[in-house]
């Protein structure tokens, strides 16, 4: 799929759960926990603001994986005289999904894409 201006307003990293079956290690089931969103960064010359969050606790033993993006982007009026920079934005196609971080008990897979313009 071709990257469009709309995709630049989206996220650059996706995370989903994998290998959700329970391990026989006696560890309790625990869901993944996100941190709070960071504050929006100042508007850059590229006309995009960014914010992020981190995984505080990974899911365990079949608990729910963290859902949603780790980073968010939104258009803004950059300080360099460029208005609405996100309209000209282009991203690479999504990279393939990473290997699963665990063989059981709810690992995670990641994939990313990069702003190229």
C-alpha atoms as a PDB file:
ATOM      1  CA  UNK A   1       0.000   0.000   0.000  1.00  0.00           C
ATOM      2  CA  UNK A   2       1.280   3.445  -0.911  1.00  0.00           C
ATOM      3  CA  UNK A   3       1.940   5.853   1.963  1.00  0.00           C
ATOM      4  CA  UNK A   4      -0.338   8.886   1.758  1.00  0.00           C
ATOM      5  CA  UNK A   5      -0.576  12.195   3.587  1.00  0.00           C
ATOM      6  CA  UNK A   6      -3.230  10.661   5.833  1.00  0.00           C
ATOM      7  CA  UNK A   7      -0.817   7.954   7.021  1.00  0.00           C
ATOM      8  CA  UNK A   8       1.620  10.603   8.288  1.00  0.00           C
ATOM      9  CA  UNK A   9      -1.017  11.728  10.740  1.00  0.00           C
ATOM     10  CA  UNK A  10      -1.046   8.180  12.069  1.00  0.00           C
ATOM     11  CA  UNK A  11       1.584   6.267  13.951  1.00  0.00           C
ATOM     12  CA  UNK A  12       4.981   4.932  12.969  1.00  0.00           C
ATOM     13  CA  UNK A  13       5.003   1.804  15.141  1.00  0.00           C
ATOM     14  CA  UNK A  14       2.390  -0.892  15.657  1.00  0.00           C
ATOM     15  CA  UNK A  15       2.379  -3.559  18.359  1.00  0.00           C
ATOM     16  CA  UNK A  16       0.213  -6.645  18.665  1.00  0.00           C
ATOM     17  CA  UNK A  17       0.099  -9.782  20.747  1.00  0.00           C
ATOM     18  CA  UNK A  18       1.418 -13.197  19.689  1.00  0.00           C
ATOM     19  CA  UNK A  19       1.929 -16.655  21.218  1.00  0.00           C
ATOM     20  CA  UNK A  20      -0.843 -16.017  23.712  1.00  0.00           C
ATOM     21  CA  UNK A  21      -1.017 -19.573  25.065  1.00  0.00           C
ATOM     22  CA  UNK A  22      -0.280 -20.070  28.734  1.00  0.00           C
ATOM     23  CA  UNK A  23       3.131 -21.325  29.886  1.00  0.00           C
ATOM     24  CA  UNK A  24       3.294 -23.968  32.590  1.00  0.00           C
ATOM     25  CA  UNK A  25       5.504 -21.890  34.889  1.00  0.00           C
ATOM     26  CA  UNK A  26       2.949 -20.938  37.569  1.00  0.00           C
ATOM     27  CA  UNK A  27       3.156 -17.205  36.826  1.00  0.00           C
ATOM     28  CA  UNK A  28      -0.127 -15.329  37.160  1.00  0.00           C
ATOM     29  CA  UNK A  29      -1.834 -13.839  34.110  1.00  0.00           C
ATOM     30  CA  UNK A  30      -1.064 -10.121  33.731  1.00  0.00           C
ATOM     31  CA  UNK A  31      -2.175  -7.681  31.039  1.00  0.00           C
ATOM     32  CA  UNK A  32       0.181  -5.264  29.344  1.00  0.00           C
ATOM     33  CA  UNK A  33       0.214  -1.740  30.802  1.00  0.00           C
ATOM     34  CA  UNK A  34       0.996   1.484  28.895  1.00  0.00           C
ATOM     35  CA  UNK A  35       2.447   4.610  30.507  1.00  0.00           C
ATOM     36  CA  UNK A  36       0.546   7.873  30.155  1.00  0.00           C
ATOM     37  CA  UNK A  37       1.076   9.765  26.882  1.00  0.00           C
ATOM     38  CA  UNK A  38       3.954  12.252  26.934  1.00  0.00           C
ATOM     39  CA  UNK A  39       3.171  15.900  26.278  1.00  0.00           C
ATOM     40  CA  UNK A  40       3.063  16.919  22.621  1.00  0.00           C
ATOM     41  CA  UNK A  41       6.475  18.101  21.391  1.00  0.00           C
ATOM     42  CA  UNK A  42       6.791  21.601  19.988  1.00  0.00           C
ATOM     43  CA  UNK A  43       5.842  21.940  16.352  1.00  0.00           C
ATOM     44  CA  UNK A  44       8.853  21.274  14.150  1.00  0.00           C
ATOM     45  CA  UNK A  45       9.758  22.674  10.750  1.00  0.00           C
ATOM     46  CA  UNK A  46       8.209  19.557   9.219  1.00  0.00           C
ATOM     47  CA  UNK A  47       4.765  20.697  10.408  1.00  0.00           C
ATOM     48  CA  UNK A  48       4.289  17.659  12.659  1.00  0.00           C
ATOM     49  CA  UNK A  49       3.939  17.323  16.445  1.00  0.00           C
ATOM     50  CA  UNK A  50       4.796  14.050  18.156  1.00  0.00           C
ATOM     51  CA  UNK A  51       4.089  12.311  21.441  1.00  0.00           C
ATOM     52  CA  UNK A  52       4.798   8.808  22.738  1.00  0.00           C
ATOM     53  CA  UNK A  53       4.166   6.322  25.513  1.00  0.00           C
ATOM     54  CA  UNK A  54       6.086   3.321  26.795  1.00  0.00           C
ATOM     55  CA  UNK A  55       5.207  -0.189  27.890  1.00  0.00           C
ATOM     56  CA  UNK A  56       5.401  -0.156  31.695  1.00  0.00           C
ATOM     57  CA  UNK A  57       4.691  -3.863  32.113  1.00  0.00           C
ATOM     58  CA  UNK A  58       4.583  -6.465  29.352  1.00  0.00           C
ATOM     59  CA  UNK A  59       1.718  -8.942  29.280  1.00  0.00           C
ATOM     60  CA  UNK A  60       2.423 -12.302  30.909  1.00  0.00           C
ATOM     61  CA  UNK A  61       1.023 -15.791  30.773  1.00  0.00           C
ATOM     62  CA  UNK A  62      -1.693 -15.142  28.232  1.00  0.00           C
ATOM     63  CA  UNK A  63      -2.666 -11.661  29.448  1.00  0.00           C
ATOM     64  CA  UNK A  64      -3.779  -9.024  26.951  1.00  0.00           C
ATOM     65  CA  UNK A  65      -1.065  -7.417  24.835  1.00  0.00           C
ATOM     66  CA  UNK A  66      -0.769  -3.638  24.689  1.00  0.00           C
ATOM     67  CA  UNK A  67      -3.064  -2.356  21.976  1.00  0.00           C
ATOM     68  CA  UNK A  68      -2.702   0.782  19.929  1.00  0.00           C
ATOM     69  CA  UNK A  69       0.240   2.873  18.809  1.00  0.00           C
ATOM     70  CA  UNK A  70       3.335   3.759  20.802  1.00  0.00           C
ATOM     71  CA  UNK A  71       3.723   7.086  18.969  1.00  0.00           C
ATOM     72  CA  UNK A  72       1.231   9.605  17.647  1.00  0.00           C
ATOM     73  CA  UNK A  73       1.666  12.401  15.134  1.00  0.00           C
ATOM     74  CA  UNK A  74      -0.553  15.373  14.329  1.00  0.00           C
ATOM     75  CA  UNK A  75      -0.198  18.253  11.869  1.00  0.00           C
ATOM     76  CA  UNK A  76       0.691  21.723  13.125  1.00  0.00           C
ATOM     77  CA  UNK A  77       1.920  25.053  11.759  1.00  0.00           C
ATOM     78  CA  UNK A  78       5.707  24.809  11.888  1.00  0.00           C
ATOM     79  CA  UNK A  79       7.923  27.745  12.893  1.00  0.00           C
ATOM     80  CA  UNK A  80       9.748  27.724   9.550  1.00  0.00           C
ATOM     81  CA  UNK A  81       7.078  29.354   7.440  1.00  0.00           C
ATOM     82  CA  UNK A  82       5.643  26.066   6.203  1.00  0.00           C
ATOM     83  CA  UNK A  83       1.929  25.666   6.825  1.00  0.00           C
ATOM     84  CA  UNK A  84       0.222  22.290   7.146  1.00  0.00           C
ATOM     85  CA  UNK A  85       3.379  20.255   6.598  1.00  0.00           C
ATOM     86  CA  UNK A  86       1.608  16.956   7.176  1.00  0.00           C
ATOM     87  CA  UNK A  87      -0.224  17.359   3.857  1.00  0.00           C
ATOM     88  CA  UNK A  88       3.076  16.816   2.014  1.00  0.00           C
ATOM     89  CA  UNK A  89       4.167  14.044   4.326  1.00  0.00           C
ATOM     90  CA  UNK A  90       5.093  10.589   2.980  1.00  0.00           C
ATOM     91  CA  UNK A  91       5.907   7.410   4.864  1.00  0.00           C
ATOM     92  CA  UNK A  92       7.609   4.224   3.821  1.00  0.00           C
ATOM     93  CA  UNK A  93       5.489   1.073   3.634  1.00  0.00           C
ATOM     94  CA  UNK A  94       5.237  -0.933   6.869  1.00  0.00           C
ATOM     95  CA  UNK A  95       8.252  -3.136   7.593  1.00  0.00           C
ATOM     96  CA  UNK A  96       7.490  -6.848   8.172  1.00  0.00           C
ATOM     97  CA  UNK A  97       6.364  -7.864  11.680  1.00  0.00           C
ATOM     98  CA  UNK A  98       9.240  -8.641  14.070  1.00  0.00           C
ATOM     99  CA  UNK A  99       9.687 -12.062  15.646  1.00  0.00           C
ATOM    100  CA  UNK A 100       7.515 -12.652  18.703  1.00  0.00           C
ATOM    101  CA  UNK A 101       9.229 -11.626  21.960  1.00  0.00           C
ATOM    102  CA  UNK A 102       8.058 -14.826  23.738  1.00  0.00           C
ATOM    103  CA  UNK A 103       7.338 -18.426  22.816  1.00  0.00           C
ATOM    104  CA  UNK A 104       4.299 -18.566  25.150  1.00  0.00           C
ATOM    105  CA  UNK A 105       2.404 -16.452  27.663  1.00  0.00           C
ATOM    106  CA  UNK A 106       1.756 -13.496  25.415  1.00  0.00           C
ATOM    107  CA  UNK A 107       4.654 -11.984  23.585  1.00  0.00           C
ATOM    108  CA  UNK A 108       4.526  -8.991  21.290  1.00  0.00           C
ATOM    109  CA  UNK A 109       5.412  -8.247  17.705  1.00  0.00           C
ATOM    110  CA  UNK A 110       6.313  -4.852  16.298  1.00  0.00           C
ATOM    111  CA  UNK A 111       6.441  -3.253  12.905  1.00  0.00           C
ATOM    112  CA  UNK A 112       7.498   0.241  11.933  1.00  0.00           C
ATOM    113  CA  UNK A 113       7.495   2.733   9.124  1.00  0.00           C
ATOM    114  CA  UNK A 114       9.468   5.931   8.679  1.00  0.00           C
ATOM    115  CA  UNK A 115       8.591   9.449   7.585  1.00  0.00           C
ATOM    116  CA  UNK A 116      10.553  10.087   4.404  1.00  0.00           C
ATOM    117  CA  UNK A 117       9.116  13.501   3.592  1.00  0.00           C
END
